[in-house]
Amino acid sequence: MIKTLILFFVAGGFSLLTASVLPIYSQSSTTLTYPLLEGWNLVHFPLTPDRFATAGELVKAIAQDGGYVTTVATWHNGAWQEYVQRGSDVYSPDFPIEPGKAYFLRSHRELNWQVTGIPLLKSPTLKLNP
């Protein structure tokens, strides 16, 4: 089960809710292109990527394709979770990449990055908890 954070704007401020997502997968592979710009990029993966399963593997996959990402960040259990790597130096623990969850990527180079994997068969159902 995947937990995610949903932010709603309500009169006078914001309201935070958590949601549980149950992914349902297809059997055929697909390729998506992510236009990474220099700076922060917000991405999500509506599939299970073939080449990476963790933030560290994601950084390596982008580097192999000619990009340079130093930070992968996501909201997890009420706090920011970050993976930071510069060259071979790693400054934080690795964590899994989950389909349907959003991630901020700090890119230092523009790249049209292609990700291949097994897509979700249908959009996940969200159970909202106030």
Protein backbone atom coordinates (compact mmCIF):
# COMPACT_ATOMS: atom_id res chain seq x y z
CA MET A 1 0.00 0.00 0.00
CA ILE A 2 1.28 3.45 -0.89
CA LYS A 3 0.64 6.44 1.36
CA THR A 4 0.63 9.91 -0.12
CA LEU A 5 -0.14 13.44 1.01
CA ILE A 6 -2.95 15.51 -0.45
CA LEU A 7 -3.10 19.26 0.08
CA PHE A 8 -6.47 21.02 -0.27
CA PHE A 9 -7.02 24.77 -0.21
CA VAL A 10 -9.93 25.71 2.04
CA ALA A 11 -11.16 29.12 3.08
CA GLY A 12 -8.59 30.66 5.39
CA GLY A 13 -5.75 28.19 4.71
CA PHE A 14 -4.74 24.70 3.72
CA SER A 15 -5.92 21.31 4.91
CA LEU A 16 -3.72 18.20 4.84
CA LEU A 17 -5.10 14.72 4.27
CA THR A 18 -3.34 11.40 3.83
CA ALA A 19 -4.44 8.82 1.30
CA SER A 20 -3.81 5.13 0.76
CA VAL A 21 -3.25 3.96 -2.81
CA LEU A 22 -3.50 0.37 -4.00
CA PRO A 23 -1.74 0.00 -7.38
CA ILE A 24 -3.12 -2.35 -10.06
CA TYR A 25 -0.67 -3.21 -12.87
CA SER A 26 -0.86 -3.99 -16.58
CA GLN A 27 1.22 -6.79 -18.15
CA SER A 28 2.76 -4.83 -21.07
CA SER A 29 5.70 -2.44 -20.87
CA THR A 30 5.50 1.25 -21.80
CA THR A 31 7.98 4.14 -22.07
CA LEU A 32 7.37 7.66 -20.72
CA THR A 33 9.51 10.74 -21.37
CA TYR A 34 10.23 13.17 -18.54
CA PRO A 35 11.62 16.57 -19.65
CA LEU A 36 13.96 17.33 -16.74
CA LEU A 37 14.90 20.99 -16.51
CA GLU A 38 17.81 22.48 -14.59
CA GLY A 39 16.48 23.03 -11.07
CA TRP A 40 13.67 21.27 -9.21
CA ASN A 41 11.35 18.93 -11.13
CA LEU A 42 8.22 17.28 -9.72
CA VAL A 43 7.62 13.81 -11.17
CA HIS A 44 5.63 10.68 -10.45
CA PHE A 45 5.82 7.23 -11.97
CA PRO A 46 2.47 5.69 -13.00
CA LEU A 47 4.42 2.48 -13.60
CA THR A 48 7.00 0.20 -12.00
CA PRO A 49 10.30 1.27 -13.61
CA ASP A 50 12.51 -1.46 -15.13
CA ARG A 51 15.87 0.21 -14.35
CA PHE A 52 15.46 1.45 -10.78
CA ALA A 53 13.65 0.62 -7.55
CA THR A 54 15.33 3.07 -5.15
CA ALA A 55 16.27 6.75 -5.14
CA GLY A 56 19.96 5.85 -5.47
CA GLU A 57 19.26 3.67 -8.51
CA LEU A 58 17.14 6.50 -9.99
CA VAL A 59 20.09 8.94 -9.68
CA LYS A 60 22.37 6.35 -11.33
CA ALA A 61 19.89 5.69 -14.18
CA ILE A 62 19.65 9.42 -14.95
CA ALA A 63 23.46 9.72 -14.92
CA GLN A 64 23.76 6.77 -17.34
CA ASP A 65 21.41 8.64 -19.71
CA GLY A 66 23.49 11.85 -19.59
CA GLY A 67 21.70 13.73 -16.80
CA TYR A 68 22.89 14.87 -13.38
CA VAL A 69 20.48 14.70 -10.42
CA THR A 70 21.80 15.21 -6.90
CA THR A 71 18.63 15.04 -4.78
CA VAL A 72 15.46 12.93 -4.75
CA ALA A 73 12.90 14.08 -2.16
CA THR A 74 9.40 12.94 -1.19
CA TRP A 75 6.89 13.44 1.62
CA HIS A 76 6.75 10.24 3.71
CA ASN A 77 4.93 9.60 7.01
CA GLY A 78 4.59 13.31 7.83
CA ALA A 79 8.18 14.34 7.03
CA TRP A 80 10.46 14.99 4.07
CA GLN A 81 12.61 12.07 3.01
CA GLU A 82 15.68 12.94 0.91
CA TYR A 83 18.37 11.04 -0.90
CA VAL A 84 21.37 13.27 -1.68
CA GLN A 85 24.36 12.23 -3.77
CA ARG A 86 27.19 14.28 -5.33
CA GLY A 87 29.50 12.19 -7.47
CA SER A 88 30.26 9.07 -5.44
CA ASP A 89 29.55 10.79 -2.08
CA VAL A 90 26.16 9.88 -0.56
CA TYR A 91 24.80 12.10 2.25
CA SER A 92 21.56 10.35 3.24
CA PRO A 93 19.95 6.90 3.32
CA ASP A 94 18.43 5.35 0.20
CA PHE A 95 14.68 4.69 0.00
CA PRO A 96 12.30 2.84 -2.36
CA ILE A 97 10.61 4.51 -5.33
CA GLU A 98 6.88 3.69 -5.29
CA PRO A 99 4.53 3.83 -8.29
CA GLY A 100 2.01 6.68 -8.09
CA LYS A 101 3.99 8.64 -5.48
CA ALA A 102 5.39 12.12 -6.23
CA TYR A 103 9.12 12.95 -6.10
CA PHE A 104 11.11 16.17 -6.40
CA LEU A 105 14.32 15.75 -8.43
CA ARG A 106 17.10 18.38 -8.24
CA SER A 107 18.61 18.34 -11.71
CA HIS A 108 21.77 20.18 -12.74
CA ARG A 109 21.39 19.40 -16.44
CA GLU A 110 18.46 19.42 -18.88
CA LEU A 111 17.51 15.99 -20.19
CA ASN A 112 14.57 14.33 -21.92
CA TRP A 113 14.71 11.24 -19.73
CA GLN A 114 12.91 8.07 -20.77
CA VAL A 115 11.58 5.59 -18.22
CA THR A 116 10.30 2.16 -19.24
CA GLY A 117 8.22 -0.08 -17.02
CA ILE A 118 4.95 -1.86 -16.36
CA PRO A 119 2.14 0.74 -16.01
CA LEU A 120 -0.69 0.78 -13.53
CA LEU A 121 -3.70 -0.87 -15.18
CA LYS A 122 -6.09 1.76 -13.84
CA SER A 123 -5.92 4.86 -11.71
CA PRO A 124 -5.54 4.07 -8.03
CA THR A 125 -8.46 4.47 -5.67
CA LEU A 126 -7.78 6.98 -2.91
CA LYS A 127 -9.12 6.55 0.61
CA LEU A 128 -8.95 9.96 2.27
CA ASN A 129 -8.34 10.29 6.00
CA PRO A 130 -8.98 13.75 7.45
